[in-house]
Each structure stands twice: as structure tokens, then as C-alpha cells.
Amino acid sequence: MNSFSQLQLDPHLAKAVAEMGYESMTPIQAQAIPVVLSGQDVMGAAQTGTGKTAAFSLPLLQRMIKHENSSTSPARHPVRALVLLPTRELADQVAQQVKLYAKYTQLRCAVVFGGMDMKPQTAELKKGVEVLVATPGRLLDHIEAKTAVLNQVEYVVLDEADRMLDIGFLPDLQRILSYLPKQRTTLLFSATFSPEIKRLASSYLQNPVTIEVARPNQTASTVTQLFFNVSEDDKRRALKQILKQKAISQAFVFVNSKLGCARLARSLEKDGLRTAALHGDKSQDERLKALDAFKKGEVDLLVCTDVAARGLDIKDVPAVFNFDVPFNAEDYIHRIGRTGRAGAEGLAVSFASGSDARLVTDIEKLTKQKIEFAEISLDEDRFVSRRPRSDNDERPRRETDDRSGVSRSRFTPVKPPSDPFFDQPYEPSPQALEKASQVSSKETTAPVRAGISPNIKPKRKVAALFKTN
């Protein structure tokens, strides 16, 4: 069964699926959808970009169709399916997809995540929703405020579960799951399986069906991976050169730190490239605007930290650049999964310096692929100034040490202009000599008290307030 038309979905769901252009199912969809429809727990491993959202959303909506109703009473629309995700952007994306699938039904969907005002989210929850998409932290806020009631949840989805564990969501997950009914269907999806994931599955899943459509921790075969040995100083120039040589229209550029993300985005913007930054210190509104601009093609380069490495589905992004090699080898798989999605071709370029040898080795061990470094010949316009230099320009010039290839700056001390007045030795003026003689005569005539320096003034005598013995 490889076609959506063979699923015998409800006509309202089938209409929405047809409008979205879905025809053939991906491997994870073909294997997971029948299992979820049967009501069994699932532990699914699939590469990012293979359609996991539809793999769990469509069968859950199909099973909840029997509960749909047009009542305006919130009590008739309790939360029946809970989808937990690690990042705000991913939660927003999944909620949008679910709403598209359910738009011809009476089922309601809402999303709650941090960085936004809780009041609009609370108002939507009070109206009643069947599908709630959330990040763990904000969901706990609503649970404590009693605006999210989960005692009728029938289905729980943990998407990108490994990432939730990486960023310390395990205590939050345990608290959330404690509020849910014991009898429920739990679906766990992840692109990478770690021992922690397997322990989580054994604790909260009941006899799960394990679905692995590809070898765990494997990179997508549609993505061409290139590694270049580039020094830190040359990375930006190498990035611009590859963009130009390969005529890349849009790309993700991943860095390891928020500060490095902001600095690189500013530098590329100054170089004339349409660039936006996406990192954790940005407000949620700024992050959503940057993503929207990138999706609309108003931005060419989205410089981001690993906050954007998981699950973001932006179609037809031709390339991903690892400006910094990720500290976690698993993040490499997720980063390059932003390109080559849904069977399309993609390019993943990574820049590594000598200090990244251990991180590259970790990637080799995880992916079980030998990494070969390609050669790159950088243009000679490295130190071209933004304005032409004049012959009298005294600013320090940057040069390259031919022996080591390391850039260095040479500062040539500038000789101050010659002035005859300042070249003459010091000679005191007649006024200064006369003043010095007057001071000297005062010092010689001043009375000298025994044992006290003449430069110390005596204390003034003042009346005592209290008599002391």
C-alpha cells in the first residue's frame, strides 16, 4: 500500500490530502499509518524530511473523526491528542500542518509555546480543542494555570524525542505524562535512537511496534556532503566563494553559538547578502518573522544555531552550510536534513579547522562513513579594502606569513612630525625663576616645630562639646 487513496480515509481528510498534492506515501508513512490506525504504540525511526508529521497526524485525525461535532460548548471539545515537540518553530509548523489536514472537519487544533503572551493561547484553549501541539515548558505553565486539562487524552506523540532529552526536557516530560490517563496510545518518533530514548520508550510505551525505515543515524542519500579544511579566518570567504561558484540561491548556515550567529549574520549583510539571524536570544516574534522571510524568498541566507536544526520543513532549500562543526554528532544529521527533503537533491557543505578533528571523528563514528576533505582554492581578494587606499594611508595593513599561512597584522610605528620648539632643551622663564625664589624664601623663614615637617599644617583648636578626662 503506497498510495494515499488506498488508505480509505474519511472523505473530509481525503479531500484535504488531495488538495495538498499528496499521492504516494513515504516509507515511514506507509509503515506507520496502518499501525497507528490499529491503535498500537509506535517507536519510529526515520530520517528527517521523510514525512513523519503526516505519518502520525492523519491516522490520529482519522481515529478522532467519530468525536467531531459542531457544538460551541468547550466540554464537547476536550483535548484528545497531545503532540509534544522540542522547539517553538517546530511546534508552530506541526500545528499548521495538522490544521491543513483537518480543515474540512469539525476537529479543532491549537498550539502553545513559550516566548509569546499566554492570554491568546488561554482564550483558544478555553474554547476547546481536540489536538493540542505544545512545547513542554509552556504546556506545564498552562497545566499549572488550569487552562489545559489533559484527563481525556487518548493519544500522545513525542516528536524529535532525542532533542527533547538533549536539552533537558526529561523532568518536564515525566511531569506532563503523569497528568495523562494510563490507558492511551503513545507514539515516539526520532531520527536518532540513543540509549536514553530506548529507556524512555520502555517506561512509557506498551509493547511498541518498532519501525525503522532506514538504518538509525543514517544521513539522507539525496544529500551530497562536502567537507573542506578551512581556517577560522577563511570560513566566511570560503562560504561566499562556494555560494557564487555553485550559484546557490538559498541556504541555511549553522553556527554553534548565539554570539557567533549574530556576528556572522551582520558580516554577511555588510557583504551585500540578504541575511537573517535565528537564535535563542531572539524574541519569538523575531524568530517567526525571520523564518517567514526565508520561506518567502526575501532572505537568501538564514544564519542559525541548532534551534533551527530540527524538523523545520522549508521546501526546495538547495544547500546547508556547517560554518561550525556541531558539538553533537547527532545534530549534524539533523542540520543537513534541512536540505534534500522529500526526495529532492541537496548539498551539505561543512568547514572544519584543525581543532575540529575530534568532532569530525564523532560524525564518522555515528554515520559509519569515512569523511574525505576536498580542496578549495580561495580567491586572492582576501584583504581587499572596502575603500581604495592612498599612498599616505597610515592604517595598519594585514599580511600573510608565507611560512605558516596564518594571517597577521604588522604595525609600523609612525615618526611624529619634527618641531624646533619641542626639540630645544627646557629653559625656565624669568617669571618662573622669580616665583621659585619667593617660595624658597618663605620656606626658610617659616617656623620649624620640633619633630614636625614644616609642610604639615597644625590642627585648628575648636571648643569641645563634652569634657573628657
Protein backbone atom coordinates (compact mmCIF):
# COMPACT_ATOMS: atom_id res chain seq x y z
CA MET A 1 0.00 0.00 0.00
CA ASN A 2 1.88 3.07 -1.26
CA SER A 3 -0.92 5.45 -2.28
CA PHE A 4 -2.95 7.72 0.00
CA SER A 5 -6.04 6.81 -1.99
CA GLN A 6 -5.72 3.25 -0.65
CA LEU A 7 -5.96 4.35 2.99
CA GLN A 8 -9.74 4.76 2.90
CA LEU A 9 -9.57 7.97 4.88
CA ASP A 10 -12.67 9.94 5.82
CA PRO A 11 -13.82 11.97 2.77
CA HIS A 12 -13.07 15.25 4.55
CA LEU A 13 -9.49 14.16 5.31
CA ALA A 14 -9.06 12.67 1.84
CA LYS A 15 -10.14 15.97 0.27
CA ALA A 16 -7.55 17.93 2.26
CA VAL A 17 -4.81 15.42 1.44
CA ALA A 18 -5.64 15.59 -2.27
CA GLU A 19 -5.55 19.41 -2.19
CA MET A 20 -2.06 19.31 -0.66
CA GLY A 21 -0.87 17.19 -3.58
CA TYR A 22 -0.16 14.02 -1.59
CA GLU A 23 -0.20 10.93 -3.82
CA SER A 24 2.45 8.37 -2.87
CA MET A 25 3.40 7.69 0.73
CA THR A 26 6.96 7.83 2.01
CA PRO A 27 8.34 4.64 3.64
CA ILE A 28 7.69 5.88 7.19
CA GLN A 29 4.12 6.82 6.25
CA ALA A 30 3.44 3.51 4.52
CA GLN A 31 4.60 1.56 7.58
CA ALA A 32 3.42 3.78 10.45
CA ILE A 33 -0.06 4.84 9.34
CA PRO A 34 -1.62 1.31 9.35
CA VAL A 35 -0.08 0.59 12.78
CA VAL A 36 -1.37 3.84 14.28
CA LEU A 37 -4.81 3.19 12.78
CA SER A 38 -4.85 -0.14 14.61
CA GLY A 39 -4.29 1.66 17.93
CA GLN A 40 -0.83 0.28 18.77
CA ASP A 41 2.09 2.16 20.29
CA VAL A 42 4.84 3.06 17.83
CA MET A 43 8.55 3.73 18.14
CA GLY A 44 9.52 5.12 14.75
CA ALA A 45 13.00 5.87 13.44
CA ALA A 46 13.14 7.81 10.20
CA GLN A 47 15.42 10.36 8.63
CA THR A 48 14.32 13.94 8.96
CA GLY A 49 12.34 15.20 5.99
CA THR A 50 10.56 11.90 5.29
CA GLY A 51 7.05 12.99 6.30
CA LYS A 52 6.76 11.98 9.97
CA THR A 53 4.12 14.67 10.64
CA ALA A 54 1.64 13.11 8.22
CA ALA A 55 2.60 9.63 9.47
CA PHE A 56 1.09 10.35 12.89
CA SER A 57 -1.35 13.22 12.17
CA LEU A 58 -3.53 11.58 9.52
CA PRO A 59 -4.23 8.31 11.39
CA LEU A 60 -4.91 10.17 14.65
CA LEU A 61 -7.36 12.52 12.93
CA GLN A 62 -8.99 9.50 11.29
CA ARG A 63 -9.48 7.83 14.68
CA MET A 64 -10.88 11.06 16.20
CA ILE A 65 -13.39 11.70 13.41
CA LYS A 66 -16.03 9.87 15.43
CA HIS A 67 -15.77 12.61 18.08
CA GLU A 68 -16.20 15.60 15.76
CA ASN A 69 -19.20 17.85 16.43
CA SER A 70 -20.33 21.39 15.71
CA SER A 71 -21.16 22.25 19.33
CA THR A 72 -19.84 25.54 20.68
CA SER A 73 -19.52 24.09 24.18
CA PRO A 74 -15.85 23.63 25.23
CA ALA A 75 -16.86 20.46 27.10
CA ARG A 76 -17.67 18.84 23.75
CA HIS A 77 -14.12 19.54 22.52
CA PRO A 78 -11.69 18.10 25.12
CA VAL A 79 -8.03 17.53 24.32
CA ARG A 80 -7.84 14.03 22.84
CA ALA A 81 -4.42 14.15 21.13
CA LEU A 82 -1.30 15.78 22.59
CA VAL A 83 1.77 16.40 20.39
CA LEU A 84 4.98 17.43 22.21
CA LEU A 85 7.94 18.98 20.37
CA PRO A 86 11.25 20.49 21.50
CA THR A 87 11.24 23.87 19.72
CA ARG A 88 8.75 26.65 19.17
CA GLU A 89 9.28 26.81 15.41
CA LEU A 90 8.69 23.09 15.04
CA ALA A 91 5.56 23.23 17.18
CA ASP A 92 4.16 26.06 15.06
CA GLN A 93 4.98 24.17 11.86
CA VAL A 94 3.34 20.92 13.01
CA ALA A 95 0.22 22.77 14.17
CA GLN A 96 -0.12 24.43 10.76
CA GLN A 97 0.13 21.04 9.06
CA VAL A 98 -2.49 19.47 11.33
CA LYS A 99 -4.85 22.40 10.70
CA LEU A 100 -4.47 21.87 6.94
CA TYR A 101 -5.29 18.17 7.27
CA ALA A 102 -8.35 18.87 9.45
CA LYS A 103 -9.69 21.99 7.73
CA TYR A 104 -12.76 20.22 6.29
CA THR A 105 -13.60 18.54 9.59
CA GLN A 106 -15.06 19.85 12.87
CA LEU A 107 -11.88 18.91 14.78
CA ARG A 108 -10.00 21.82 16.35
CA CYS A 109 -6.24 22.25 16.75
CA ALA A 110 -4.26 24.73 18.88
CA VAL A 111 -0.58 25.35 19.56
CA VAL A 112 1.07 26.69 22.73
CA PHE A 113 4.74 27.56 23.10
CA GLY A 114 6.91 29.98 25.05
CA GLY A 115 8.10 33.42 24.07
CA MET A 116 4.53 34.59 23.42
CA ASP A 117 1.77 36.07 25.54
CA MET A 118 -0.26 33.37 27.31
CA LYS A 119 -3.57 35.24 27.11
CA PRO A 120 -4.40 34.49 23.43
CA GLN A 121 -3.36 30.87 23.97
CA THR A 122 -5.57 30.65 27.06
CA ALA A 123 -8.55 32.10 25.19
CA GLU A 124 -8.14 29.49 22.43
CA LEU A 125 -7.82 26.62 24.91
CA LYS A 126 -10.97 27.71 26.75
CA LYS A 127 -12.96 27.32 23.52
CA GLY A 128 -11.99 23.64 23.43
CA VAL A 129 -9.54 21.82 21.12
CA GLU A 130 -9.15 18.17 20.17
CA VAL A 131 -5.49 18.36 19.09
CA LEU A 132 -3.01 20.28 21.25
CA VAL A 133 0.51 20.87 19.92
CA ALA A 134 2.93 22.19 22.54
CA THR A 135 6.43 22.61 23.85
CA PRO A 136 6.87 21.07 27.33
CA GLY A 137 7.68 24.22 29.29
CA ARG A 138 4.71 26.29 28.13
CA LEU A 139 2.35 23.32 28.44
CA LEU A 140 3.30 22.98 32.11
CA ASP A 141 2.52 26.70 32.56
CA HIS A 142 -1.00 26.10 31.23
CA ILE A 143 -1.42 22.96 33.32
CA GLU A 144 -0.50 24.87 36.49
CA ALA A 145 -2.85 27.69 35.48
CA LYS A 146 -5.57 25.05 34.93
CA THR A 147 -6.15 26.27 31.38
CA ALA A 148 -5.06 22.94 29.86
CA VAL A 149 -6.92 19.84 31.07
CA LEU A 150 -5.44 16.55 29.89
CA ASN A 151 -7.58 13.94 31.65
CA GLN A 152 -9.25 12.80 28.40
CA VAL A 153 -6.12 12.48 26.25
CA GLU A 154 -6.19 9.29 24.18
CA TYR A 155 -3.09 9.81 22.02
CA VAL A 156 0.35 11.22 22.85
CA VAL A 157 3.05 11.96 20.27
CA LEU A 158 6.67 12.65 21.24
CA ASP A 159 8.29 14.04 18.12
CA GLU A 160 12.07 14.65 17.93
CA ALA A 161 12.26 12.90 21.30
CA ASP A 162 16.05 12.73 21.32
CA ARG A 163 16.28 16.51 21.10
CA MET A 164 13.88 16.92 24.00
CA LEU A 165 16.16 14.75 26.10
CA ASP A 166 19.28 16.59 24.90
CA ILE A 167 18.01 19.96 26.09
CA GLY A 168 16.88 18.65 29.45
CA PHE A 169 13.15 18.16 28.98
CA LEU A 170 13.02 14.73 30.64
CA PRO A 171 11.76 16.04 34.03
CA ASP A 172 9.12 18.12 32.23
CA LEU A 173 8.08 15.13 30.12
CA GLN A 174 7.69 12.97 33.22
CA ARG A 175 5.53 15.62 34.90
CA ILE A 176 3.33 16.03 31.81
CA LEU A 177 2.86 12.29 31.34
CA SER A 178 1.83 11.98 34.98
CA TYR A 179 -1.24 14.13 34.22
CA LEU A 180 -2.38 11.81 31.40
CA PRO A 181 -4.62 8.74 31.62
CA LYS A 182 -2.75 5.46 31.95
CA GLN A 183 -4.69 3.95 29.07
CA ARG A 184 -3.52 5.78 25.97
CA THR A 185 -1.72 5.29 22.66
CA THR A 186 1.84 6.68 22.67
CA LEU A 187 3.83 7.38 19.52
CA LEU A 188 7.54 8.20 19.69
CA PHE A 189 9.37 9.47 16.60
CA SER A 190 13.01 10.39 16.25
CA ALA A 191 15.70 10.48 13.59
CA THR A 192 18.31 9.15 16.03
CA PHE A 193 17.97 6.49 18.72
CA SER A 194 20.09 6.72 21.85
CA PRO A 195 20.09 4.55 24.99
CA GLU A 196 18.11 7.30 26.76
CA ILE A 197 15.43 7.16 24.06
CA LYS A 198 15.13 3.39 24.45
CA ARG A 199 14.78 3.72 28.24
CA LEU A 200 12.08 6.36 27.77
CA ALA A 201 10.26 4.06 25.34
CA SER A 202 10.40 1.13 27.74
CA SER A 203 8.99 3.30 30.54
CA TYR A 204 6.07 4.93 28.76
CA LEU A 205 5.23 2.76 25.72
CA GLN A 206 3.32 -0.52 25.96
CA ASN A 207 4.57 -3.22 23.60
CA PRO A 208 5.51 -0.68 20.91
CA VAL A 209 5.88 -1.61 17.26
CA THR A 210 9.37 -0.56 16.19
CA ILE A 211 9.53 0.93 12.71
CA GLU A 212 12.90 1.66 11.14
CA VAL A 213 12.68 2.73 7.52
CA ALA A 214 16.43 3.35 7.35
CA ARG A 215 19.47 2.47 9.37
CA PRO A 216 19.44 4.61 12.54
CA ASN A 217 21.63 7.72 12.43
CA GLN A 218 21.98 7.49 8.66
CA THR A 219 22.14 10.61 6.50
CA ALA A 220 19.79 11.03 3.55
CA SER A 221 21.14 9.55 0.32
CA THR A 222 19.84 12.54 -1.66
CA VAL A 223 22.23 14.94 0.10
CA THR A 224 25.75 15.42 -1.30
CA GLN A 225 28.16 16.01 1.59
CA LEU A 226 31.36 18.03 1.19
CA PHE A 227 33.98 18.78 3.84
CA PHE A 228 36.61 21.49 3.46
CA ASN A 229 39.64 22.09 5.68
CA VAL A 230 39.38 25.85 6.19
CA SER A 231 40.92 28.06 8.88
CA GLU A 232 38.66 30.16 11.05
CA ASP A 233 39.74 33.36 9.29
CA ASP A 234 38.94 31.92 5.84
CA LYS A 235 35.49 30.45 6.53
CA ARG A 236 33.48 33.50 5.53
CA ARG A 237 35.42 33.92 2.29
CA ALA A 238 35.03 30.21 1.50
CA LEU A 239 31.28 30.45 2.14
CA LYS A 240 30.85 33.36 -0.26
CA GLN A 241 33.02 31.68 -2.90
CA ILE A 242 31.03 28.41 -2.86
CA LEU A 243 27.74 30.33 -2.98
CA LYS A 244 28.99 32.11 -6.09
CA GLN A 245 30.59 29.09 -7.80
CA LYS A 246 27.60 26.79 -7.35
CA ALA A 247 25.01 29.56 -7.92
CA ILE A 248 23.20 28.69 -4.66
CA SER A 249 20.09 30.81 -4.26
CA GLN A 250 19.21 29.99 -0.64
CA ALA A 251 20.90 28.18 2.22
CA PHE A 252 20.90 27.51 5.94
CA VAL A 253 24.18 28.48 7.65
CA PHE A 254 24.64 26.77 11.03
CA VAL A 255 26.93 28.03 13.78
CA ASN A 256 27.47 26.79 17.33
CA SER A 257 26.86 29.94 19.39
CA LYS A 258 24.31 32.74 19.59
CA LEU A 259 27.04 35.40 19.54
CA GLY A 260 28.74 33.83 16.52
CA CYS A 261 25.37 33.65 14.78
CA ALA A 262 24.68 37.36 15.26
CA ARG A 263 28.20 38.39 14.21
CA LEU A 264 28.24 36.24 11.08
CA ALA A 265 24.80 37.50 10.02
CA ARG A 266 25.95 41.11 10.37
CA SER A 267 29.14 40.43 8.40
CA LEU A 268 27.31 38.72 5.55
CA GLU A 269 24.74 41.52 5.49
CA LYS A 270 27.57 44.04 5.09
CA ASP A 271 28.90 41.96 2.20
CA GLY A 272 25.64 42.56 0.35
CA LEU A 273 23.92 39.22 1.04
CA ARG A 274 20.30 39.21 2.19
CA THR A 275 20.71 37.60 5.58
CA ALA A 276 18.64 36.91 8.71
CA ALA A 277 19.73 35.52 12.08
CA LEU A 278 17.82 32.91 14.07
CA HIS A 279 18.95 32.01 17.59
CA GLY A 280 17.65 31.60 21.11
CA ASP A 281 18.20 35.21 22.21
CA LYS A 282 15.82 36.48 19.54
CA SER A 283 12.24 37.11 20.60
CA GLN A 284 9.70 34.63 19.31
CA ASP A 285 8.19 37.27 17.04
CA GLU A 286 11.62 37.98 15.50
CA ARG A 287 12.27 34.27 15.00
CA LEU A 288 8.94 33.71 13.25
CA LYS A 289 9.48 36.77 11.04
CA ALA A 290 12.95 35.57 10.03
CA LEU A 291 11.56 32.14 9.12
CA ASP A 292 8.69 33.66 7.18
CA ALA A 293 11.02 35.92 5.21
CA PHE A 294 13.22 32.94 4.38
CA LYS A 295 10.22 30.89 3.22
CA LYS A 296 9.03 33.76 1.01
CA GLY A 297 12.47 34.16 -0.59
CA GLU A 298 13.03 37.61 0.88
CA VAL A 299 16.15 36.29 2.64
CA ASP A 300 18.93 34.30 0.93
CA LEU A 301 20.88 33.07 3.96
CA LEU A 302 19.36 32.04 7.28
CA VAL A 303 22.22 32.04 9.81
CA CYS A 304 21.08 29.99 12.77
CA THR A 305 22.03 27.91 15.77
CA ASP A 306 20.72 24.38 16.34
CA VAL A 307 17.36 25.86 17.34
CA ALA A 308 16.56 25.51 13.62
CA ALA A 309 18.20 22.12 13.11
CA ARG A 310 15.17 20.01 13.95
CA GLY A 311 12.13 19.35 11.82
CA LEU A 312 11.80 22.69 10.05
CA ASP A 313 10.25 21.90 6.69
CA ILE A 314 11.08 24.57 4.13
CA LYS A 315 10.73 23.27 0.62
CA ASP A 316 13.42 23.45 -2.04
CA VAL A 317 16.30 24.72 0.10
CA PRO A 318 19.25 23.70 -2.09
CA ALA A 319 22.06 23.80 0.48
CA VAL A 320 23.12 23.74 4.10
CA PHE A 321 26.44 25.10 5.39
CA ASN A 322 28.00 23.96 8.64
CA PHE A 323 30.03 27.09 9.30
CA ASP A 324 30.95 25.41 12.60
CA VAL A 325 31.13 21.64 13.00
CA PRO A 326 28.42 20.76 15.56
CA PHE A 327 29.45 19.70 19.05
CA ASN A 328 26.92 16.84 18.89
CA ALA A 329 27.32 14.40 16.02
CA GLU A 330 23.55 13.78 16.02
CA ASP A 331 23.00 17.46 15.27
CA TYR A 332 24.98 17.03 12.05
CA ILE A 333 22.34 14.58 10.78
CA HIS A 334 19.54 16.98 11.67
CA ARG A 335 21.29 20.03 10.22
CA ILE A 336 21.88 18.53 6.80
CA GLY A 337 18.33 17.19 6.88
CA ARG A 338 17.12 20.76 6.17
CA THR A 339 18.02 20.14 2.51
CA GLY A 340 17.28 17.23 0.19
CA ARG A 341 13.78 16.88 1.63
CA ALA A 342 11.02 14.71 0.15
CA GLY A 343 13.40 13.08 -2.33
CA ALA A 344 14.89 16.30 -3.71
CA GLU A 345 18.62 16.76 -4.25
CA GLY A 346 20.57 18.76 -1.68
CA LEU A 347 24.09 19.91 -0.83
CA ALA A 348 25.67 19.95 2.63
CA VAL A 349 28.97 21.83 3.00
CA SER A 350 30.99 21.71 6.23
CA PHE A 351 34.03 23.83 7.13
CA ALA A 352 36.46 22.25 9.59
CA SER A 353 39.71 23.56 11.01
CA GLY A 354 42.45 21.62 12.80
CA SER A 355 40.72 21.99 16.18
CA ASP A 356 37.63 20.18 14.86
CA ALA A 357 39.35 16.81 14.33
CA ARG A 358 37.60 15.13 17.27
CA LEU A 359 34.16 16.41 16.21
CA VAL A 360 34.69 15.13 12.66
CA THR A 361 35.71 11.73 14.06
CA ASP A 362 32.47 11.63 16.10
CA ILE A 363 30.46 12.23 12.91
CA GLU A 364 32.33 9.41 11.16
CA LYS A 365 31.56 7.01 14.03
CA LEU A 366 27.88 7.94 14.11
CA THR A 367 27.22 7.83 10.37
CA LYS A 368 29.72 5.00 9.71
CA GLN A 369 31.02 6.94 6.74
CA LYS A 370 34.62 7.90 6.05
CA ILE A 371 34.91 11.66 5.59
CA GLU A 372 37.26 12.87 2.87
CA PHE A 373 38.28 16.51 2.78
CA ALA A 374 38.01 18.32 -0.56
CA GLU A 375 40.39 21.01 -1.72
CA ILE A 376 39.27 24.60 -2.11
CA SER A 377 41.31 27.30 -3.82
CA LEU A 378 40.34 30.64 -2.39
CA ASP A 379 40.42 33.80 -4.48
CA GLU A 380 43.22 36.29 -3.96
CA ASP A 381 40.95 39.18 -2.99
CA ARG A 382 41.09 38.27 0.66
CA PHE A 383 42.36 41.55 2.05
CA VAL A 384 40.83 43.96 -0.40
CA SER A 385 39.70 47.03 1.49
CA ARG A 386 36.23 48.49 1.19
CA ARG A 387 37.73 51.79 0.01
CA PRO A 388 40.85 52.40 -2.11
CA ARG A 389 43.99 53.13 -0.10
CA SER A 390 46.03 56.20 -0.72
CA ASP A 391 49.82 56.19 -0.58
CA ASN A 392 49.73 58.21 2.65
CA ASP A 393 47.25 55.93 4.40
CA GLU A 394 48.88 55.09 7.72
CA ARG A 395 46.37 52.40 8.77
CA PRO A 396 47.98 49.02 9.54
CA ARG A 397 47.96 46.62 6.61
CA ARG A 398 47.21 42.91 7.03
CA GLU A 399 49.67 40.50 5.56
CA THR A 400 50.13 36.74 5.38
CA ASP A 401 53.08 34.82 6.77
CA ASP A 402 54.25 32.72 3.82
CA ARG A 403 55.72 30.06 6.08
CA SER A 404 52.63 29.31 8.15
CA GLY A 405 49.80 30.68 6.03
CA VAL A 406 48.46 32.41 9.14
CA SER A 407 47.22 35.96 8.76
CA ARG A 408 48.87 38.59 10.92
CA SER A 409 48.84 42.36 11.25
CA ARG A 410 52.04 44.45 11.02
CA PHE A 411 52.00 47.82 12.73
CA THR A 412 54.73 50.22 11.58
CA PRO A 413 55.34 52.99 14.15
CA VAL A 414 54.79 56.41 12.66
CA LYS A 415 57.53 59.02 13.39
CA PRO A 416 55.99 62.22 14.83
CA PRO A 417 56.50 65.46 12.84
CA SER A 418 59.58 67.49 13.74
CA ASP A 419 59.04 70.83 15.56
CA PRO A 420 62.04 73.09 16.50
CA PHE A 421 60.26 74.39 19.60
CA PHE A 422 59.85 70.89 21.10
CA ASP A 423 63.37 69.86 20.05
CA GLN A 424 65.02 72.57 22.29
CA PRO A 425 66.02 71.71 25.89
CA TYR A 426 63.85 73.10 28.68
CA GLU A 427 64.81 76.55 29.99
CA PRO A 428 62.74 78.15 32.78
CA SER A 429 61.27 81.59 32.10
CA PRO A 430 62.28 84.64 34.28
CA GLN A 431 58.78 84.66 35.85
CA ALA A 432 59.12 81.00 36.87
CA LEU A 433 62.56 81.71 38.40
CA GLU A 434 61.23 84.68 40.41
CA LYS A 435 58.25 82.64 41.72
CA ALA A 436 60.53 79.77 42.73
CA SER A 437 62.79 82.15 44.69
CA GLN A 438 59.77 83.59 46.57
CA VAL A 439 58.58 80.12 47.57
CA SER A 440 62.10 79.23 48.69
CA SER A 441 62.36 82.33 50.92
CA LYS A 442 59.00 81.57 52.59
CA GLU A 443 60.10 78.05 53.39
CA THR A 444 63.32 79.28 55.03
CA THR A 445 61.51 81.88 57.21
CA ALA A 446 58.69 79.57 58.29
CA PRO A 447 58.96 78.48 61.94
CA VAL A 448 60.01 74.92 62.35
CA ARG A 449 58.29 72.94 65.07
CA ALA A 450 60.32 70.29 66.76
CA GLY A 451 59.90 66.90 65.13
CA ILE A 452 57.20 68.08 62.69
CA SER A 453 57.61 68.77 58.99
CA PRO A 454 57.00 72.42 58.03
CA ASN A 455 54.66 71.16 55.29
CA ILE A 456 52.12 69.79 57.82
CA LYS A 457 49.55 72.34 58.94
CA PRO A 458 48.63 72.37 62.66
CA LYS A 459 45.12 71.34 63.72
CA ARG A 460 42.61 74.05 64.39
CA LYS A 461 41.52 74.46 68.01
CA VAL A 462 37.75 74.05 68.43
CA ALA A 463 35.53 74.07 71.53
CA ALA A 464 34.81 70.62 72.90
CA LEU A 465 31.18 69.62 73.36
CA PHE A 466 31.92 67.20 76.11
CA LYS A 467 34.64 67.32 78.67
CA THR A 468 36.94 64.34 78.57
CA ASN A 469 39.32 63.17 81.26
